[in-house]
Amino acid sequence: MAFNRCLTSLRYVGRTRLGLGTLLRDTNLGSGRASVPGPRILHTTGVVPHGIQGLPRGRHTIPETREQVEVSTAEWSYVERLMHPTAIPKPCAMPGEVMPSGWVAPSAKIGDYPYFVPRSTNHMIPVYLKHVQILQRFITSVKHVEGDIFALGEELQDYLQQRIPKKYIIVRVHEPHQVIQIKGNFVAEVKEFLLEKGF
């Protein structure tokens, strides 16, 4: 076993160019075991540079043709096509016009009613439906109501009561949050009411 390790050490010495004396010094044949010498660090004469500081400094010269920078805005239109828009563009439609997709442009203005319901950032009617799974309850919400929110709540309750006379309509008006909440799924009916008003 020790002889095989010695042969392995001799091969290693041949690769690293070490002397036989180094092998005999590193191997402990008297104890019946031989140790393979570890990697040797070969030092050269002079100071060995460490890191990037030891590399020679390069000298670079910039041609005179590249010193001047030209500002061109002729191609900026192509760059804008690749940029994400910061806002949703306004639709090109007349007030009250119905688009082929079914979207209706708002026609009501501030002052036509004591209340006002603006469109969302997506130019949609701000009517949303929330499903409370634990209670198995649906809540219809009208958000961003401005002006007399209580008047709009009463008109919505009367409108829904006429549409569904057999069901009692529960309406909750939250003025600080500008939200009207209706118990039940009445998204289609509320949107129809607001479209009739021009919102």
C-alpha atoms as a PDB file:
ATOM      1  CA  MET A   1       0.000   0.000   0.000  1.00  0.00           C
ATOM      2  CA  ALA A   2       2.831   2.344   0.917  1.00  0.00           C
ATOM      3  CA  PHE A   3       4.653   1.408  -2.306  1.00  0.00           C
ATOM      4  CA  ASN A   4       1.623   2.395  -4.409  1.00  0.00           C
ATOM      5  CA  ARG A   5       1.437   5.730  -2.652  1.00  0.00           C
ATOM      6  CA  CYS A   6       5.126   6.229  -3.310  1.00  0.00           C
ATOM      7  CA  LEU A   7       4.598   5.606  -7.049  1.00  0.00           C
ATOM      8  CA  THR A   8       1.714   8.073  -7.032  1.00  0.00           C
ATOM      9  CA  SER A   9       3.993  10.590  -5.341  1.00  0.00           C
ATOM     10  CA  LEU A  10       6.708  10.007  -7.957  1.00  0.00           C
ATOM     11  CA  ARG A  11       4.199  10.706 -10.749  1.00  0.00           C
ATOM     12  CA  TYR A  12       3.091  13.854  -8.920  1.00  0.00           C
ATOM     13  CA  VAL A  13       6.737  14.902  -8.506  1.00  0.00           C
ATOM     14  CA  GLY A  14       7.317  14.404 -12.208  1.00  0.00           C
ATOM     15  CA  ARG A  15       4.493  16.777 -12.981  1.00  0.00           C
ATOM     16  CA  THR A  16       5.563  19.439 -10.495  1.00  0.00           C
ATOM     17  CA  ARG A  17       9.298  19.076 -11.202  1.00  0.00           C
ATOM     18  CA  LEU A  18      10.274  18.418  -7.583  1.00  0.00           C
ATOM     19  CA  GLY A  19      13.426  16.576  -6.504  1.00  0.00           C
ATOM     20  CA  LEU A  20      13.707  13.114  -5.025  1.00  0.00           C
ATOM     21  CA  GLY A  21      14.927  14.613  -1.784  1.00  0.00           C
ATOM     22  CA  THR A  22      11.674  16.462  -1.376  1.00  0.00           C
ATOM     23  CA  LEU A  23       9.789  13.189  -1.863  1.00  0.00           C
ATOM     24  CA  LEU A  24      11.906  11.381   0.750  1.00  0.00           C
ATOM     25  CA  ARG A  25      11.486  14.267   3.150  1.00  0.00           C
ATOM     26  CA  ASP A  26       7.694  14.406   2.765  1.00  0.00           C
ATOM     27  CA  THR A  27       7.123  10.625   2.885  1.00  0.00           C
ATOM     28  CA  ASN A  28       7.291   8.830   6.202  1.00  0.00           C
ATOM     29  CA  LEU A  29       8.400   5.345   5.154  1.00  0.00           C
ATOM     30  CA  GLY A  30       9.580   4.446   8.626  1.00  0.00           C
ATOM     31  CA  SER A  31       6.077   4.593  10.035  1.00  0.00           C
ATOM     32  CA  GLY A  32       4.720   2.456   7.216  1.00  0.00           C
ATOM     33  CA  ARG A  33       2.674   5.269   5.619  1.00  0.00           C
ATOM     34  CA  ALA A  34       3.447   7.739   2.896  1.00  0.00           C
ATOM     35  CA  SER A  35       1.857  11.136   2.440  1.00  0.00           C
ATOM     36  CA  VAL A  36       1.296  12.711  -0.955  1.00  0.00           C
ATOM     37  CA  PRO A  37       2.913  16.149  -1.076  1.00  0.00           C
ATOM     38  CA  GLY A  38       0.542  19.058  -1.490  1.00  0.00           C
ATOM     39  CA  PRO A  39       0.691  21.695  -4.210  1.00  0.00           C
ATOM     40  CA  ARG A  40       3.900  23.718  -4.280  1.00  0.00           C
ATOM     41  CA  ILE A  41       4.108  27.452  -4.820  1.00  0.00           C
ATOM     42  CA  LEU A  42       6.857  28.302  -7.280  1.00  0.00           C
ATOM     43  CA  HIS A  43       8.419  31.679  -6.552  1.00  0.00           C
ATOM     44  CA  THR A  44      10.284  33.631  -9.161  1.00  0.00           C
ATOM     45  CA  THR A  45      12.901  36.252  -8.721  1.00  0.00           C
ATOM     46  CA  GLY A  46      11.643  39.716  -8.107  1.00  0.00           C
ATOM     47  CA  VAL A  47       8.364  40.991  -6.704  1.00  0.00           C
ATOM     48  CA  VAL A  48       5.270  39.132  -7.825  1.00  0.00           C
ATOM     49  CA  PRO A  49       2.419  41.618  -8.613  1.00  0.00           C
ATOM     50  CA  HIS A  50      -0.832  41.043  -6.782  1.00  0.00           C
ATOM     51  CA  GLY A  51      -4.230  42.073  -8.150  1.00  0.00           C
ATOM     52  CA  ILE A  52      -5.009  44.665 -10.758  1.00  0.00           C
ATOM     53  CA  GLN A  53      -2.536  47.128  -9.276  1.00  0.00           C
ATOM     54  CA  GLY A  54       0.339  45.026 -10.572  1.00  0.00           C
ATOM     55  CA  LEU A  55      -0.823  45.245 -14.184  1.00  0.00           C
ATOM     56  CA  PRO A  56       0.747  47.840 -16.443  1.00  0.00           C
ATOM     57  CA  ARG A  57      -1.246  50.990 -16.920  1.00  0.00           C
ATOM     58  CA  GLY A  58      -2.778  51.363 -20.330  1.00  0.00           C
ATOM     59  CA  ARG A  59      -2.880  54.606 -22.220  1.00  0.00           C
ATOM     60  CA  HIS A  60      -5.913  55.274 -24.328  1.00  0.00           C
ATOM     61  CA  THR A  61      -6.490  58.196 -26.608  1.00  0.00           C
ATOM     62  CA  ILE A  62      -9.913  59.314 -27.854  1.00  0.00           C
ATOM     63  CA  PRO A  63     -10.038  60.327 -31.509  1.00  0.00           C
ATOM     64  CA  GLU A  64     -10.976  63.919 -32.158  1.00  0.00           C
ATOM     65  CA  THR A  65     -13.961  62.804 -34.216  1.00  0.00           C
ATOM     66  CA  ARG A  66     -15.551  61.228 -31.116  1.00  0.00           C
ATOM     67  CA  GLU A  67     -15.055  64.121 -28.747  1.00  0.00           C
ATOM     68  CA  GLN A  68     -18.103  65.982 -30.068  1.00  0.00           C
ATOM     69  CA  VAL A  69     -21.578  64.639 -29.204  1.00  0.00           C
ATOM     70  CA  GLU A  70     -24.473  65.286 -31.545  1.00  0.00           C
ATOM     71  CA  VAL A  71     -27.986  65.574 -30.105  1.00  0.00           C
ATOM     72  CA  SER A  72     -30.603  64.292 -32.533  1.00  0.00           C
ATOM     73  CA  THR A  73     -34.364  64.128 -31.933  1.00  0.00           C
ATOM     74  CA  ALA A  74     -35.350  62.913 -35.371  1.00  0.00           C
ATOM     75  CA  GLU A  75     -35.536  59.278 -34.242  1.00  0.00           C
ATOM     76  CA  TRP A  76     -37.263  59.991 -30.901  1.00  0.00           C
ATOM     77  CA  SER A  77     -40.657  59.069 -32.340  1.00  0.00           C
ATOM     78  CA  TYR A  78     -39.444  55.501 -32.807  1.00  0.00           C
ATOM     79  CA  VAL A  79     -38.303  55.380 -29.176  1.00  0.00           C
ATOM     80  CA  GLU A  80     -41.692  56.575 -27.915  1.00  0.00           C
ATOM     81  CA  ARG A  81     -43.357  53.664 -29.671  1.00  0.00           C
ATOM     82  CA  LEU A  82     -41.377  51.261 -27.467  1.00  0.00           C
ATOM     83  CA  MET A  83     -42.043  53.101 -24.185  1.00  0.00           C
ATOM     84  CA  HIS A  84     -44.906  52.093 -21.905  1.00  0.00           C
ATOM     85  CA  PRO A  85     -47.627  54.798 -21.866  1.00  0.00           C
ATOM     86  CA  THR A  86     -47.929  56.640 -18.550  1.00  0.00           C
ATOM     87  CA  ALA A  87     -51.692  57.152 -18.893  1.00  0.00           C
ATOM     88  CA  ILE A  88     -54.564  55.527 -20.755  1.00  0.00           C
ATOM     89  CA  PRO A  89     -55.429  57.707 -23.739  1.00  0.00           C
ATOM     90  CA  LYS A  90     -58.868  59.238 -23.896  1.00  0.00           C
ATOM     91  CA  PRO A  91     -61.220  57.565 -26.369  1.00  0.00           C
ATOM     92  CA  CYS A  92     -62.068  59.516 -29.495  1.00  0.00           C
ATOM     93  CA  ALA A  93     -65.849  59.378 -29.154  1.00  0.00           C
ATOM     94  CA  MET A  94     -68.630  61.924 -28.955  1.00  0.00           C
ATOM     95  CA  PRO A  95     -70.630  62.216 -25.682  1.00  0.00           C
ATOM     96  CA  GLY A  96     -73.220  59.439 -25.548  1.00  0.00           C
ATOM     97  CA  GLU A  97     -71.775  57.626 -28.564  1.00  0.00           C
ATOM     98  CA  VAL A  98     -71.958  53.840 -28.478  1.00  0.00           C
ATOM     99  CA  MET A  99     -68.821  52.127 -29.745  1.00  0.00           C
ATOM    100  CA  PRO A 100     -68.858  48.770 -31.628  1.00  0.00           C
ATOM    101  CA  SER A 101     -67.575  47.040 -28.479  1.00  0.00           C
ATOM    102  CA  GLY A 102     -70.617  48.217 -26.517  1.00  0.00           C
ATOM    103  CA  TRP A 103     -68.781  50.913 -24.581  1.00  0.00           C
ATOM    104  CA  VAL A 104     -70.790  54.110 -24.138  1.00  0.00           C
ATOM    105  CA  ALA A 105     -69.071  57.477 -23.819  1.00  0.00           C
ATOM    106  CA  PRO A 106     -70.220  59.586 -20.839  1.00  0.00           C
ATOM    107  CA  SER A 107     -72.459  62.533 -21.617  1.00  0.00           C
ATOM    108  CA  ALA A 108     -73.280  63.952 -18.159  1.00  0.00           C
ATOM    109  CA  LYS A 109     -71.380  66.955 -16.871  1.00  0.00           C
ATOM    110  CA  ILE A 110     -70.769  68.347 -13.422  1.00  0.00           C
ATOM    111  CA  GLY A 111     -73.850  70.356 -12.407  1.00  0.00           C
ATOM    112  CA  ASP A 112     -76.446  68.334 -14.313  1.00  0.00           C
ATOM    113  CA  TYR A 113     -77.322  66.442 -11.101  1.00  0.00           C
ATOM    114  CA  PRO A 114     -76.666  67.127  -7.417  1.00  0.00           C
ATOM    115  CA  TYR A 115     -74.206  64.221  -7.579  1.00  0.00           C
ATOM    116  CA  PHE A 116     -71.592  63.085 -10.074  1.00  0.00           C
ATOM    117  CA  VAL A 117     -70.046  59.678 -10.781  1.00  0.00           C
ATOM    118  CA  PRO A 118     -66.803  60.006 -12.772  1.00  0.00           C
ATOM    119  CA  ARG A 119     -65.360  57.172 -14.838  1.00  0.00           C
ATOM    120  CA  SER A 120     -62.415  55.109 -13.619  1.00  0.00           C
ATOM    121  CA  THR A 121     -58.901  55.351 -15.039  1.00  0.00           C
ATOM    122  CA  ASN A 122     -59.928  52.725 -17.604  1.00  0.00           C
ATOM    123  CA  HIS A 123     -62.902  54.909 -18.640  1.00  0.00           C
ATOM    124  CA  MET A 124     -65.337  52.363 -17.195  1.00  0.00           C
ATOM    125  CA  ILE A 125     -68.307  52.838 -14.855  1.00  0.00           C
ATOM    126  CA  PRO A 126     -67.029  52.406 -11.262  1.00  0.00           C
ATOM    127  CA  VAL A 127     -69.442  49.619 -10.255  1.00  0.00           C
ATOM    128  CA  TYR A 128     -67.879  46.568  -8.621  1.00  0.00           C
ATOM    129  CA  LEU A 129     -69.043  43.265  -7.123  1.00  0.00           C
ATOM    130  CA  LYS A 130     -67.593  41.695  -3.975  1.00  0.00           C
ATOM    131  CA  HIS A 131     -68.248  38.116  -2.904  1.00  0.00           C
ATOM    132  CA  VAL A 132     -67.932  37.293   0.802  1.00  0.00           C
ATOM    133  CA  GLN A 133     -67.406  33.542   0.720  1.00  0.00           C
ATOM    134  CA  ILE A 134     -67.796  32.921   4.446  1.00  0.00           C
ATOM    135  CA  LEU A 135     -71.244  34.540   4.547  1.00  0.00           C
ATOM    136  CA  GLN A 136     -72.142  33.620   0.947  1.00  0.00           C
ATOM    137  CA  ARG A 137     -73.041  37.244   0.331  1.00  0.00           C
ATOM    138  CA  PHE A 138     -72.680  39.530  -2.683  1.00  0.00           C
ATOM    139  CA  ILE A 139     -72.166  43.277  -2.290  1.00  0.00           C
ATOM    140  CA  THR A 140     -72.482  45.728  -5.173  1.00  0.00           C
ATOM    141  CA  SER A 141     -70.438  48.923  -4.739  1.00  0.00           C
ATOM    142  CA  VAL A 142     -70.562  52.259  -6.540  1.00  0.00           C
ATOM    143  CA  LYS A 143     -67.288  54.110  -5.905  1.00  0.00           C
ATOM    144  CA  HIS A 144     -65.947  57.642  -6.416  1.00  0.00           C
ATOM    145  CA  VAL A 145     -69.327  59.307  -5.935  1.00  0.00           C
ATOM    146  CA  GLU A 146     -69.067  63.096  -5.698  1.00  0.00           C
ATOM    147  CA  GLY A 147     -71.639  65.592  -4.500  1.00  0.00           C
ATOM    148  CA  ASP A 148     -74.862  64.603  -2.726  1.00  0.00           C
ATOM    149  CA  ILE A 149     -74.176  60.892  -2.271  1.00  0.00           C
ATOM    150  CA  PHE A 150     -77.340  60.382  -0.183  1.00  0.00           C
ATOM    151  CA  ALA A 151     -79.551  61.569  -3.043  1.00  0.00           C
ATOM    152  CA  LEU A 152     -77.950  59.040  -5.369  1.00  0.00           C
ATOM    153  CA  GLY A 153     -78.416  56.311  -2.758  1.00  0.00           C
ATOM    154  CA  GLU A 154     -82.146  57.030  -2.473  1.00  0.00           C
ATOM    155  CA  GLU A 155     -82.596  57.104  -6.255  1.00  0.00           C
ATOM    156  CA  LEU A 156     -80.750  53.812  -6.620  1.00  0.00           C
ATOM    157  CA  GLN A 157     -82.894  52.193  -3.943  1.00  0.00           C
ATOM    158  CA  ASP A 158     -86.123  53.389  -5.579  1.00  0.00           C
ATOM    159  CA  TYR A 159     -84.931  52.267  -9.027  1.00  0.00           C
ATOM    160  CA  LEU A 160     -83.973  48.793  -7.842  1.00  0.00           C
ATOM    161  CA  GLN A 161     -87.167  48.457  -5.812  1.00  0.00           C
ATOM    162  CA  GLN A 162     -89.214  49.127  -8.932  1.00  0.00           C
ATOM    163  CA  ARG A 163     -87.182  46.626 -10.949  1.00  0.00           C
ATOM    164  CA  ILE A 164     -87.398  43.911  -8.261  1.00  0.00           C
ATOM    165  CA  PRO A 165     -90.547  44.655  -6.194  1.00  0.00           C
ATOM    166  CA  LYS A 166     -90.546  41.310  -4.362  1.00  0.00           C
ATOM    167  CA  LYS A 167     -87.155  41.898  -2.757  1.00  0.00           C
ATOM    168  CA  TYR A 168     -86.286  44.507  -0.143  1.00  0.00           C
ATOM    169  CA  ILE A 169     -83.233  46.482  -1.272  1.00  0.00           C
ATOM    170  CA  ILE A 170     -80.692  47.283   1.455  1.00  0.00           C
ATOM    171  CA  VAL A 171     -78.479  50.277   0.619  1.00  0.00           C
ATOM    172  CA  ARG A 172     -75.590  51.574   2.721  1.00  0.00           C
ATOM    173  CA  VAL A 173     -74.145  55.024   1.991  1.00  0.00           C
ATOM    174  CA  HIS A 174     -70.602  55.690   3.186  1.00  0.00           C
ATOM    175  CA  GLU A 175     -69.925  59.370   2.627  1.00  0.00           C
ATOM    176  CA  PRO A 176     -66.276  59.573   3.855  1.00  0.00           C
ATOM    177  CA  HIS A 177     -65.222  56.844   1.395  1.00  0.00           C
ATOM    178  CA  GLN A 178     -67.605  58.070  -1.337  1.00  0.00           C
ATOM    179  CA  VAL A 179     -69.039  54.570  -1.699  1.00  0.00           C
ATOM    180  CA  ILE A 180     -72.580  53.236  -1.979  1.00  0.00           C
ATOM    181  CA  GLN A 181     -72.989  49.566  -1.087  1.00  0.00           C
ATOM    182  CA  ILE A 182     -76.009  47.465  -2.034  1.00  0.00           C
ATOM    183  CA  LYS A 183     -76.625  44.004  -0.636  1.00  0.00           C
ATOM    184  CA  GLY A 184     -76.908  41.573  -3.543  1.00  0.00           C
ATOM    185  CA  ASN A 185     -75.672  41.267  -7.098  1.00  0.00           C
ATOM    186  CA  PHE A 186     -77.099  44.302  -8.918  1.00  0.00           C
ATOM    187  CA  VAL A 187     -74.151  45.241 -11.119  1.00  0.00           C
ATOM    188  CA  ALA A 188     -76.112  45.151 -14.387  1.00  0.00           C
ATOM    189  CA  GLU A 189     -79.050  47.141 -12.959  1.00  0.00           C
ATOM    190  CA  VAL A 190     -76.816  49.818 -11.389  1.00  0.00           C
ATOM    191  CA  LYS A 191     -74.787  50.242 -14.579  1.00  0.00           C
ATOM    192  CA  GLU A 192     -78.007  50.593 -16.587  1.00  0.00           C
ATOM    193  CA  PHE A 193     -79.218  53.273 -14.175  1.00  0.00           C
ATOM    194  CA  LEU A 194     -75.966  55.242 -14.421  1.00  0.00           C
ATOM    195  CA  LEU A 195     -75.911  54.972 -18.207  1.00  0.00           C
ATOM    196  CA  GLU A 196     -79.425  56.380 -18.365  1.00  0.00           C
ATOM    197  CA  LYS A 197     -78.185  59.335 -16.304  1.00  0.00           C
ATOM    198  CA  GLY A 198     -75.267  59.826 -18.693  1.00  0.00           C
ATOM    199  CA  PHE A 199     -72.427  58.791 -16.392  1.00  0.00           C
END
